[in-house]
N, C-alpha and C. Protein backbone atom coordinates (compact mmCIF):
# COMPACT_ATOMS: atom_id res chain seq x y z
N THR A 1 33.37 141.86 81.70
CA THR A 1 32.09 142.10 81.07
C THR A 1 32.34 142.42 79.60
N SER A 2 31.48 141.90 78.74
CA SER A 2 31.63 142.08 77.31
C SER A 2 30.43 142.82 76.74
N GLY A 3 30.67 143.69 75.80
CA GLY A 3 29.59 144.37 75.10
C GLY A 3 28.82 143.46 74.17
N PHE A 4 29.34 142.27 73.90
CA PHE A 4 28.68 141.33 73.01
C PHE A 4 28.14 140.11 73.76
N GLY A 5 28.08 140.18 75.08
CA GLY A 5 27.56 139.07 75.86
C GLY A 5 28.52 137.92 76.01
N ASN A 6 29.80 138.13 75.72
CA ASN A 6 30.81 137.07 75.83
C ASN A 6 31.50 137.11 77.19
N ASN A 7 30.70 137.05 78.23
CA ASN A 7 31.23 137.10 79.59
C ASN A 7 31.79 135.73 79.95
N GLY A 8 33.00 135.71 80.45
CA GLY A 8 33.67 134.46 80.77
C GLY A 8 33.20 133.85 82.07
N THR A 9 33.50 132.56 82.20
CA THR A 9 33.21 131.82 83.42
C THR A 9 34.54 131.49 84.09
N ILE A 10 34.69 131.91 85.35
CA ILE A 10 35.91 131.64 86.10
C ILE A 10 35.86 130.21 86.61
N ASN A 11 36.94 129.48 86.37
CA ASN A 11 37.04 128.08 86.80
C ASN A 11 38.23 127.89 87.72
N GLY A 12 38.09 127.04 88.72
CA GLY A 12 39.20 126.56 89.52
C GLY A 12 39.80 127.52 90.52
N GLY A 13 39.17 128.61 90.82
CA GLY A 13 39.69 129.46 91.88
C GLY A 13 40.56 130.62 91.47
N ALA A 14 40.56 131.01 90.19
CA ALA A 14 41.26 132.25 89.82
C ALA A 14 40.65 133.35 90.67
N SER A 15 41.48 134.27 91.13
CA SER A 15 40.98 135.28 92.07
C SER A 15 41.23 136.69 91.55
N PHE A 16 40.45 137.64 92.05
CA PHE A 16 40.64 139.03 91.68
C PHE A 16 41.85 139.59 92.41
N ALA A 17 42.68 140.33 91.68
CA ALA A 17 43.90 140.90 92.23
C ALA A 17 43.66 142.37 92.59
N THR A 18 44.27 142.80 93.68
CA THR A 18 44.14 144.20 94.07
C THR A 18 45.18 145.08 93.38
N ASP A 19 46.26 144.48 92.89
CA ASP A 19 47.28 145.21 92.14
C ASP A 19 46.91 145.13 90.67
N THR A 20 46.49 146.24 90.09
CA THR A 20 46.04 146.25 88.71
C THR A 20 46.79 147.32 87.92
N PRO A 21 46.74 147.26 86.58
CA PRO A 21 47.40 148.30 85.78
C PRO A 21 46.65 149.62 85.83
N GLN A 22 45.49 149.66 86.45
CA GLN A 22 44.76 150.92 86.57
C GLN A 22 45.63 152.00 87.20
N ILE A 23 46.54 151.58 88.08
CA ILE A 23 47.45 152.53 88.72
C ILE A 23 48.34 153.19 87.67
N ILE A 24 48.80 152.41 86.71
CA ILE A 24 49.70 152.91 85.68
C ILE A 24 49.00 153.90 84.76
N ILE A 25 47.77 153.60 84.38
CA ILE A 25 47.07 154.45 83.42
C ILE A 25 46.25 155.54 84.07
N GLY A 26 46.35 155.67 85.41
CA GLY A 26 45.80 156.81 86.10
C GLY A 26 44.32 156.78 86.42
N GLN A 27 43.70 155.60 86.45
CA GLN A 27 42.28 155.54 86.74
C GLN A 27 42.00 155.07 88.17
N GLY A 28 43.00 155.02 89.02
CA GLY A 28 42.80 154.58 90.39
C GLY A 28 42.86 153.08 90.51
N GLN A 29 43.09 152.61 91.70
CA GLN A 29 43.22 151.16 91.92
C GLN A 29 41.86 150.53 92.12
N GLY A 30 41.65 149.36 91.55
CA GLY A 30 40.41 148.62 91.72
C GLY A 30 40.67 147.14 91.58
N LYS A 31 39.69 146.35 91.89
CA LYS A 31 39.84 144.89 91.81
C LYS A 31 39.35 144.42 90.43
N TYR A 32 40.18 144.63 89.42
CA TYR A 32 39.79 144.29 88.06
C TYR A 32 40.58 143.12 87.49
N ALA A 33 41.84 143.00 87.83
CA ALA A 33 42.68 141.95 87.24
C ALA A 33 42.34 140.59 87.85
N LEU A 34 42.59 139.53 87.09
CA LEU A 34 42.45 138.18 87.61
C LEU A 34 43.83 137.58 87.80
N SER A 35 44.01 136.88 88.89
CA SER A 35 45.28 136.25 89.22
C SER A 35 45.15 134.74 89.06
N PHE A 36 46.15 134.12 88.41
CA PHE A 36 46.16 132.68 88.15
C PHE A 36 47.43 132.09 88.76
N ASP A 37 47.29 130.94 89.45
CA ASP A 37 48.49 130.34 90.04
C ASP A 37 48.48 128.82 90.05
N SER A 38 47.64 128.21 89.24
CA SER A 38 47.70 126.75 89.12
C SER A 38 47.04 126.31 87.83
N ALA A 39 47.23 125.03 87.50
CA ALA A 39 46.77 124.49 86.23
C ALA A 39 45.25 124.49 86.10
N ASN A 40 44.54 124.44 87.21
CA ASN A 40 43.09 124.33 87.10
C ASN A 40 42.37 125.68 87.18
N GLU A 41 43.10 126.78 87.12
CA GLU A 41 42.49 128.11 87.16
C GLU A 41 42.51 128.72 85.77
N TYR A 42 41.33 129.07 85.28
CA TYR A 42 41.24 129.71 83.97
C TYR A 42 39.86 130.34 83.81
N VAL A 43 39.72 131.16 82.77
CA VAL A 43 38.44 131.74 82.40
C VAL A 43 38.08 131.17 81.03
N ASP A 44 36.88 130.63 80.92
CA ASP A 44 36.35 130.10 79.66
C ASP A 44 35.37 131.12 79.11
N VAL A 45 35.71 131.71 77.97
CA VAL A 45 34.85 132.72 77.36
C VAL A 45 33.90 132.08 76.36
N GLY A 46 34.20 130.85 75.93
CA GLY A 46 33.32 130.14 75.01
C GLY A 46 33.78 130.22 73.57
N SER A 47 32.89 129.77 72.69
CA SER A 47 33.21 129.73 71.26
C SER A 47 31.98 130.10 70.42
N GLY A 48 31.17 131.02 70.92
CA GLY A 48 29.98 131.44 70.20
C GLY A 48 30.30 132.11 68.88
N ALA A 49 29.27 132.36 68.09
CA ALA A 49 29.43 132.90 66.74
C ALA A 49 30.21 134.22 66.73
N SER A 50 30.00 135.08 67.73
CA SER A 50 30.71 136.37 67.75
C SER A 50 32.17 136.20 68.13
N LEU A 51 32.57 134.99 68.55
CA LEU A 51 33.96 134.73 68.94
C LEU A 51 34.73 133.94 67.88
N ARG A 52 34.18 133.76 66.73
CA ARG A 52 34.87 133.05 65.65
C ARG A 52 35.84 134.03 64.99
N ILE A 53 37.01 134.14 65.61
CA ILE A 53 38.00 135.13 65.19
C ILE A 53 38.65 134.67 63.88
N GLY A 54 38.68 135.57 62.92
CA GLY A 54 39.31 135.28 61.63
C GLY A 54 39.57 136.59 60.91
N GLY A 55 40.26 136.51 59.78
CA GLY A 55 40.59 137.72 59.03
C GLY A 55 41.55 138.59 59.81
N ASN A 56 41.33 139.89 59.76
CA ASN A 56 42.14 140.84 60.50
C ASN A 56 41.59 140.96 61.92
N PHE A 57 42.48 141.02 62.91
CA PHE A 57 42.02 141.20 64.29
C PHE A 57 43.15 141.75 65.15
N THR A 58 42.76 142.24 66.33
CA THR A 58 43.70 142.74 67.32
C THR A 58 43.37 142.09 68.66
N LEU A 59 44.40 141.66 69.35
CA LEU A 59 44.27 141.15 70.71
C LEU A 59 45.08 142.08 71.60
N GLU A 60 44.48 142.55 72.70
CA GLU A 60 45.25 143.37 73.63
C GLU A 60 44.85 143.04 75.05
N PHE A 61 45.81 143.16 75.96
CA PHE A 61 45.57 142.95 77.38
C PHE A 61 46.77 143.44 78.17
N TRP A 62 46.58 143.57 79.48
CA TRP A 62 47.66 143.85 80.43
C TRP A 62 48.02 142.55 81.10
N PHE A 63 49.32 142.38 81.42
CA PHE A 63 49.73 141.19 82.17
C PHE A 63 50.89 141.52 83.10
N LYS A 64 50.98 140.76 84.16
CA LYS A 64 52.08 140.88 85.13
C LYS A 64 52.39 139.47 85.60
N VAL A 65 53.68 139.10 85.56
CA VAL A 65 54.10 137.76 85.97
C VAL A 65 54.90 137.85 87.26
N SER A 66 54.48 137.07 88.25
CA SER A 66 55.23 136.99 89.52
C SER A 66 56.23 135.85 89.47
N THR A 67 55.78 134.69 88.97
CA THR A 67 56.64 133.52 88.83
C THR A 67 56.56 133.04 87.39
N TRP A 68 57.69 133.09 86.69
CA TRP A 68 57.75 132.68 85.28
C TRP A 68 57.88 131.17 85.18
N ALA A 69 57.18 130.56 84.23
CA ALA A 69 57.26 129.12 83.96
C ALA A 69 56.93 128.90 82.49
N ASP A 70 57.35 127.78 81.95
CA ASP A 70 57.16 127.51 80.52
C ASP A 70 55.72 127.15 80.17
N TYR A 71 55.31 127.65 79.00
CA TYR A 71 54.05 127.30 78.35
C TYR A 71 52.81 127.59 79.18
N ASN A 72 52.77 128.73 79.82
CA ASN A 72 51.55 129.18 80.50
C ASN A 72 50.80 130.09 79.55
N ASP A 73 49.64 129.67 79.09
CA ASP A 73 48.86 130.45 78.13
C ASP A 73 48.12 131.57 78.84
N LEU A 74 48.37 132.80 78.43
CA LEU A 74 47.66 133.93 79.01
C LEU A 74 46.29 134.10 78.36
N VAL A 75 46.26 134.22 77.04
CA VAL A 75 45.00 134.32 76.29
C VAL A 75 45.17 133.46 75.05
N SER A 76 44.17 132.61 74.76
CA SER A 76 44.30 131.70 73.63
C SER A 76 42.94 131.35 73.02
N GLN A 77 43.00 130.89 71.79
CA GLN A 77 41.82 130.35 71.12
C GLN A 77 42.29 129.22 70.21
N TYR A 78 41.96 128.01 70.58
CA TYR A 78 42.22 126.85 69.74
C TYR A 78 41.35 125.71 70.23
N ALA A 79 41.23 124.68 69.41
CA ALA A 79 40.29 123.60 69.70
C ALA A 79 40.73 122.72 70.87
N THR A 80 42.04 122.46 70.98
CA THR A 80 42.56 121.60 72.04
C THR A 80 43.53 122.41 72.88
N PRO A 81 43.30 122.52 74.21
CA PRO A 81 44.22 123.31 75.02
C PRO A 81 45.67 122.88 74.85
N GLY A 82 46.55 123.84 74.60
CA GLY A 82 47.97 123.57 74.50
C GLY A 82 48.47 123.30 73.09
N TRP A 83 47.57 123.13 72.13
CA TRP A 83 48.02 122.76 70.78
C TRP A 83 47.33 123.62 69.74
N LEU A 84 48.06 124.00 68.72
CA LEU A 84 47.51 124.77 67.61
C LEU A 84 47.36 123.88 66.39
N SER A 85 46.65 122.76 66.56
CA SER A 85 46.50 121.82 65.45
C SER A 85 45.51 122.34 64.41
N THR A 86 44.70 123.31 64.79
CA THR A 86 43.75 123.94 63.87
C THR A 86 43.98 125.44 63.92
N THR A 87 43.16 126.20 63.20
CA THR A 87 43.31 127.65 63.24
C THR A 87 43.13 128.17 64.67
N GLY A 88 43.85 129.21 64.98
CA GLY A 88 43.73 129.80 66.31
C GLY A 88 44.96 130.61 66.66
N PHE A 89 45.02 131.03 67.92
CA PHE A 89 46.17 131.79 68.40
C PHE A 89 46.39 131.46 69.86
N LYS A 90 47.59 131.77 70.33
CA LYS A 90 47.86 131.67 71.76
C LYS A 90 48.97 132.65 72.13
N THR A 91 48.91 133.08 73.37
CA THR A 91 49.93 133.97 73.93
C THR A 91 50.44 133.28 75.17
N ASP A 92 51.70 132.88 75.17
CA ASP A 92 52.20 132.17 76.34
C ASP A 92 53.51 132.78 76.84
N ILE A 93 53.80 132.47 78.11
CA ILE A 93 55.01 132.96 78.76
C ILE A 93 55.95 131.80 79.03
N PHE A 94 57.22 132.12 79.26
CA PHE A 94 58.25 131.10 79.48
C PHE A 94 59.14 131.48 80.66
N ALA A 95 59.79 130.46 81.23
CA ALA A 95 60.63 130.64 82.42
C ALA A 95 61.78 131.62 82.18
N ASN A 96 62.23 131.77 80.94
CA ASN A 96 63.33 132.70 80.66
C ASN A 96 62.82 134.13 80.42
N LYS A 97 61.66 134.44 80.97
CA LYS A 97 61.08 135.79 81.00
C LYS A 97 60.83 136.36 79.61
N ARG A 98 60.08 135.59 78.83
CA ARG A 98 59.67 136.07 77.52
C ARG A 98 58.18 135.75 77.32
N ILE A 99 57.57 136.50 76.42
CA ILE A 99 56.19 136.26 76.03
C ILE A 99 56.17 136.02 74.52
N ARG A 100 55.32 135.09 74.10
CA ARG A 100 55.26 134.72 72.68
C ARG A 100 53.80 134.72 72.23
N PHE A 101 53.58 135.24 71.04
CA PHE A 101 52.27 135.16 70.39
C PHE A 101 52.43 134.24 69.19
N VAL A 102 51.59 133.22 69.11
CA VAL A 102 51.65 132.27 67.99
C VAL A 102 50.29 132.26 67.31
N LEU A 103 50.32 132.35 66.00
CA LEU A 103 49.12 132.36 65.18
C LEU A 103 49.17 131.17 64.23
N ASN A 104 48.06 130.45 64.10
CA ASN A 104 47.95 129.44 63.06
C ASN A 104 46.79 129.87 62.17
N PRO A 105 47.10 130.52 61.04
CA PRO A 105 46.04 131.02 60.17
C PRO A 105 45.38 129.92 59.34
N GLY A 106 45.83 128.68 59.52
CA GLY A 106 45.27 127.57 58.77
C GLY A 106 46.30 126.88 57.91
N ALA A 107 47.52 127.40 57.90
CA ALA A 107 48.58 126.84 57.06
C ALA A 107 49.92 126.85 57.80
N GLY A 108 49.94 126.47 59.05
CA GLY A 108 51.18 126.44 59.81
C GLY A 108 51.32 127.61 60.76
N GLU A 109 52.17 127.45 61.75
CA GLU A 109 52.32 128.45 62.80
C GLU A 109 53.24 129.60 62.41
N ILE A 110 52.89 130.81 62.88
CA ILE A 110 53.69 132.01 62.72
C ILE A 110 53.81 132.61 64.11
N GLY A 111 55.01 132.96 64.54
CA GLY A 111 55.17 133.46 65.90
C GLY A 111 56.00 134.72 65.98
N ALA A 112 55.80 135.43 67.09
CA ALA A 112 56.59 136.61 67.42
C ALA A 112 56.74 136.63 68.94
N GLU A 113 57.88 137.11 69.42
CA GLU A 113 58.09 137.11 70.86
C GLU A 113 58.92 138.30 71.30
N VAL A 114 58.84 138.55 72.63
CA VAL A 114 59.63 139.59 73.28
C VAL A 114 60.28 138.95 74.49
N SER A 115 61.58 139.18 74.67
CA SER A 115 62.29 138.61 75.82
C SER A 115 62.83 139.73 76.70
N GLY A 116 63.47 139.34 77.79
CA GLY A 116 64.07 140.31 78.70
C GLY A 116 63.07 141.04 79.57
N LEU A 117 61.96 140.39 79.88
CA LEU A 117 60.92 141.02 80.69
C LEU A 117 61.23 140.89 82.18
N ASN A 118 60.60 141.71 82.98
CA ASN A 118 60.82 141.72 84.43
C ASN A 118 59.68 141.05 85.17
N SER A 119 59.97 140.53 86.33
CA SER A 119 58.93 140.01 87.21
C SER A 119 58.24 141.17 87.90
N ASN A 120 56.98 140.95 88.26
CA ASN A 120 56.19 141.90 89.06
C ASN A 120 56.07 143.28 88.43
N GLN A 121 55.99 143.32 87.11
CA GLN A 121 55.81 144.57 86.38
C GLN A 121 54.66 144.41 85.40
N TRP A 122 53.74 145.37 85.38
CA TRP A 122 52.65 145.32 84.41
C TRP A 122 53.16 145.70 83.03
N TYR A 123 52.71 144.94 82.00
CA TYR A 123 53.02 145.22 80.60
C TYR A 123 51.71 145.29 79.82
N HIS A 124 51.68 146.18 78.83
CA HIS A 124 50.53 146.24 77.92
C HIS A 124 50.92 145.52 76.63
N PHE A 125 50.19 144.46 76.30
CA PHE A 125 50.49 143.60 75.16
C PHE A 125 49.45 143.84 74.07
N VAL A 126 49.90 143.99 72.83
CA VAL A 126 49.01 144.11 71.68
C VAL A 126 49.58 143.27 70.54
N ALA A 127 48.73 142.44 69.93
CA ALA A 127 49.09 141.70 68.71
C ALA A 127 48.02 142.03 67.67
N THR A 128 48.45 142.40 66.47
CA THR A 128 47.52 142.66 65.39
C THR A 128 47.86 141.75 64.21
N VAL A 129 46.83 141.36 63.48
CA VAL A 129 46.98 140.60 62.24
C VAL A 129 46.22 141.40 61.19
N ASN A 130 46.93 141.83 60.15
CA ASN A 130 46.31 142.74 59.17
C ASN A 130 46.29 142.19 57.75
N GLY A 131 46.49 140.90 57.58
CA GLY A 131 46.49 140.32 56.24
C GLY A 131 47.85 140.30 55.59
N THR A 132 48.79 141.08 56.11
CA THR A 132 50.16 141.14 55.60
C THR A 132 51.16 140.75 56.67
N ASN A 133 50.96 141.27 57.89
CA ASN A 133 51.90 141.03 58.98
C ASN A 133 51.16 140.72 60.28
N LEU A 134 51.86 140.04 61.14
CA LEU A 134 51.50 139.91 62.54
C LEU A 134 52.38 140.93 63.24
N LYS A 135 51.80 141.87 63.94
CA LYS A 135 52.59 142.89 64.64
C LYS A 135 52.42 142.71 66.13
N LEU A 136 53.54 142.67 66.83
CA LEU A 136 53.52 142.51 68.28
C LEU A 136 54.07 143.79 68.91
N TYR A 137 53.27 144.39 69.79
CA TYR A 137 53.65 145.60 70.50
C TYR A 137 53.72 145.30 72.00
N LEU A 138 54.64 145.92 72.68
CA LEU A 138 54.71 145.83 74.13
C LEU A 138 54.89 147.25 74.66
N ASP A 139 53.97 147.66 75.51
CA ASP A 139 53.96 149.01 76.05
C ASP A 139 54.05 150.07 74.95
N GLY A 140 53.34 149.85 73.86
CA GLY A 140 53.26 150.81 72.78
C GLY A 140 54.36 150.77 71.75
N ALA A 141 55.40 149.97 71.98
CA ALA A 141 56.52 149.89 71.04
C ALA A 141 56.42 148.63 70.19
N LEU A 142 56.55 148.77 68.86
CA LEU A 142 56.55 147.62 67.96
C LEU A 142 57.79 146.78 68.24
N LYS A 143 57.61 145.49 68.53
CA LYS A 143 58.73 144.61 68.88
C LYS A 143 59.03 143.58 67.80
N SER A 144 58.02 143.22 67.00
CA SER A 144 58.22 142.20 65.97
C SER A 144 57.12 142.33 64.93
N SER A 145 57.45 142.02 63.67
CA SER A 145 56.45 142.15 62.61
C SER A 145 56.68 141.13 61.50
N PRO A 146 56.54 139.82 61.81
CA PRO A 146 56.73 138.81 60.76
C PRO A 146 55.56 138.80 59.77
N ALA A 147 55.83 138.34 58.56
CA ALA A 147 54.78 138.21 57.54
C ALA A 147 53.74 137.21 58.01
N ALA A 148 52.47 137.54 57.78
CA ALA A 148 51.36 136.65 58.16
C ALA A 148 50.13 137.04 57.36
N GLY A 149 49.51 136.05 56.76
CA GLY A 149 48.26 136.31 56.05
C GLY A 149 47.10 136.39 57.03
N GLN A 150 45.91 136.52 56.49
CA GLN A 150 44.72 136.55 57.34
C GLN A 150 44.46 135.18 57.93
N MET A 151 43.90 135.16 59.12
CA MET A 151 43.58 133.90 59.78
C MET A 151 42.20 133.43 59.36
N ASN A 152 42.09 132.14 59.03
CA ASN A 152 40.77 131.57 58.81
C ASN A 152 40.02 131.58 60.13
N ALA A 153 38.71 131.73 60.10
CA ALA A 153 37.92 131.80 61.33
C ALA A 153 38.13 130.55 62.17
N SER A 154 38.34 130.76 63.47
CA SER A 154 38.57 129.66 64.40
C SER A 154 37.30 129.37 65.18
N ALA A 155 36.96 128.09 65.30
CA ALA A 155 35.81 127.68 66.10
C ALA A 155 36.25 127.29 67.51
N GLY A 156 37.51 127.52 67.84
CA GLY A 156 38.04 127.14 69.15
C GLY A 156 37.49 128.02 70.26
N THR A 157 37.64 127.53 71.47
CA THR A 157 37.21 128.24 72.66
C THR A 157 38.24 129.27 73.08
N ILE A 158 37.80 130.46 73.43
CA ILE A 158 38.72 131.48 73.95
C ILE A 158 38.85 131.26 75.45
N ARG A 159 40.11 131.18 75.88
CA ARG A 159 40.40 130.94 77.29
C ARG A 159 41.48 131.91 77.77
N MET A 160 41.42 132.23 79.05
CA MET A 160 42.45 133.04 79.69
C MET A 160 42.99 132.24 80.86
N GLY A 161 44.33 132.12 80.93
CA GLY A 161 44.95 131.48 82.08
C GLY A 161 45.02 129.97 82.03
N ILE A 162 44.66 129.36 80.93
CA ILE A 162 44.65 127.89 80.88
C ILE A 162 46.04 127.35 80.53
N TYR A 163 46.25 126.09 80.82
CA TYR A 163 47.46 125.36 80.46
C TYR A 163 48.65 125.84 81.28
N ALA A 164 48.39 126.16 82.55
CA ALA A 164 49.46 126.65 83.43
C ALA A 164 49.99 125.51 84.30
N TYR A 165 50.25 124.39 83.67
CA TYR A 165 50.66 123.21 84.44
C TYR A 165 52.09 123.27 84.96
N THR A 166 52.84 124.25 84.54
CA THR A 166 54.24 124.29 84.97
C THR A 166 54.49 125.28 86.09
N GLY A 167 53.45 125.84 86.67
CA GLY A 167 53.62 126.61 87.90
C GLY A 167 53.79 128.10 87.79
N GLY A 168 53.43 128.72 86.69
CA GLY A 168 53.53 130.16 86.59
C GLY A 168 52.48 130.84 87.47
N ILE A 169 52.82 132.02 87.97
CA ILE A 169 51.87 132.83 88.73
C ILE A 169 51.82 134.19 88.05
N TYR A 170 50.63 134.60 87.61
CA TYR A 170 50.50 135.82 86.84
C TYR A 170 49.10 136.40 86.96
N SER A 171 48.97 137.66 86.53
CA SER A 171 47.70 138.35 86.50
C SER A 171 47.44 138.88 85.09
N ILE A 172 46.16 138.95 84.73
CA ILE A 172 45.74 139.44 83.42
C ILE A 172 44.60 140.44 83.65
N ASP A 173 44.59 141.50 82.83
CA ASP A 173 43.52 142.50 82.96
C ASP A 173 43.16 143.07 81.61
N GLU A 174 41.94 143.54 81.49
CA GLU A 174 41.43 144.29 80.34
C GLU A 174 41.71 143.61 79.01
N VAL A 175 41.27 142.37 78.86
CA VAL A 175 41.44 141.64 77.60
C VAL A 175 40.43 142.14 76.59
N ARG A 176 40.91 142.44 75.39
CA ARG A 176 40.05 142.87 74.30
C ARG A 176 40.48 142.18 73.01
N ILE A 177 39.50 141.74 72.25
CA ILE A 177 39.77 141.14 70.94
C ILE A 177 38.91 141.87 69.91
């Protein structure tokens, strides 16, 4: 549910998970996380005016991966699924147990990543863009901070769980932009 009416549409059978990060942060267990396990499961949040992300912004969410696979997008915004040919961002996971955030502010891609992650463990992911740097945090610790200017506003669709054609199985919870 969104405070701005940007409620997503679940496509292809993504399901609610009973194992959520609520346990970690002490709010009790509930059916809040969404679980994705195939290429046709995703949430489409749309591309309305309030979703034209640009300038300074922060993306945060919880994620847990059961089966790691290459190029599974957890949260993304770009015009064509899988490609950053225009302004936008994507957060994807890889079979070698790493997560990467890639930003295209309108003049080429800038990326940051964290490797050495574990299966079946919840992580809190935060990426910020402040006009000077892209900062990537994992569980509250700064992991990478490459130089990055402000992003031009993207007209792309925000999606969660799309482009999972290589077989990753994962859950996502509490996405905020």
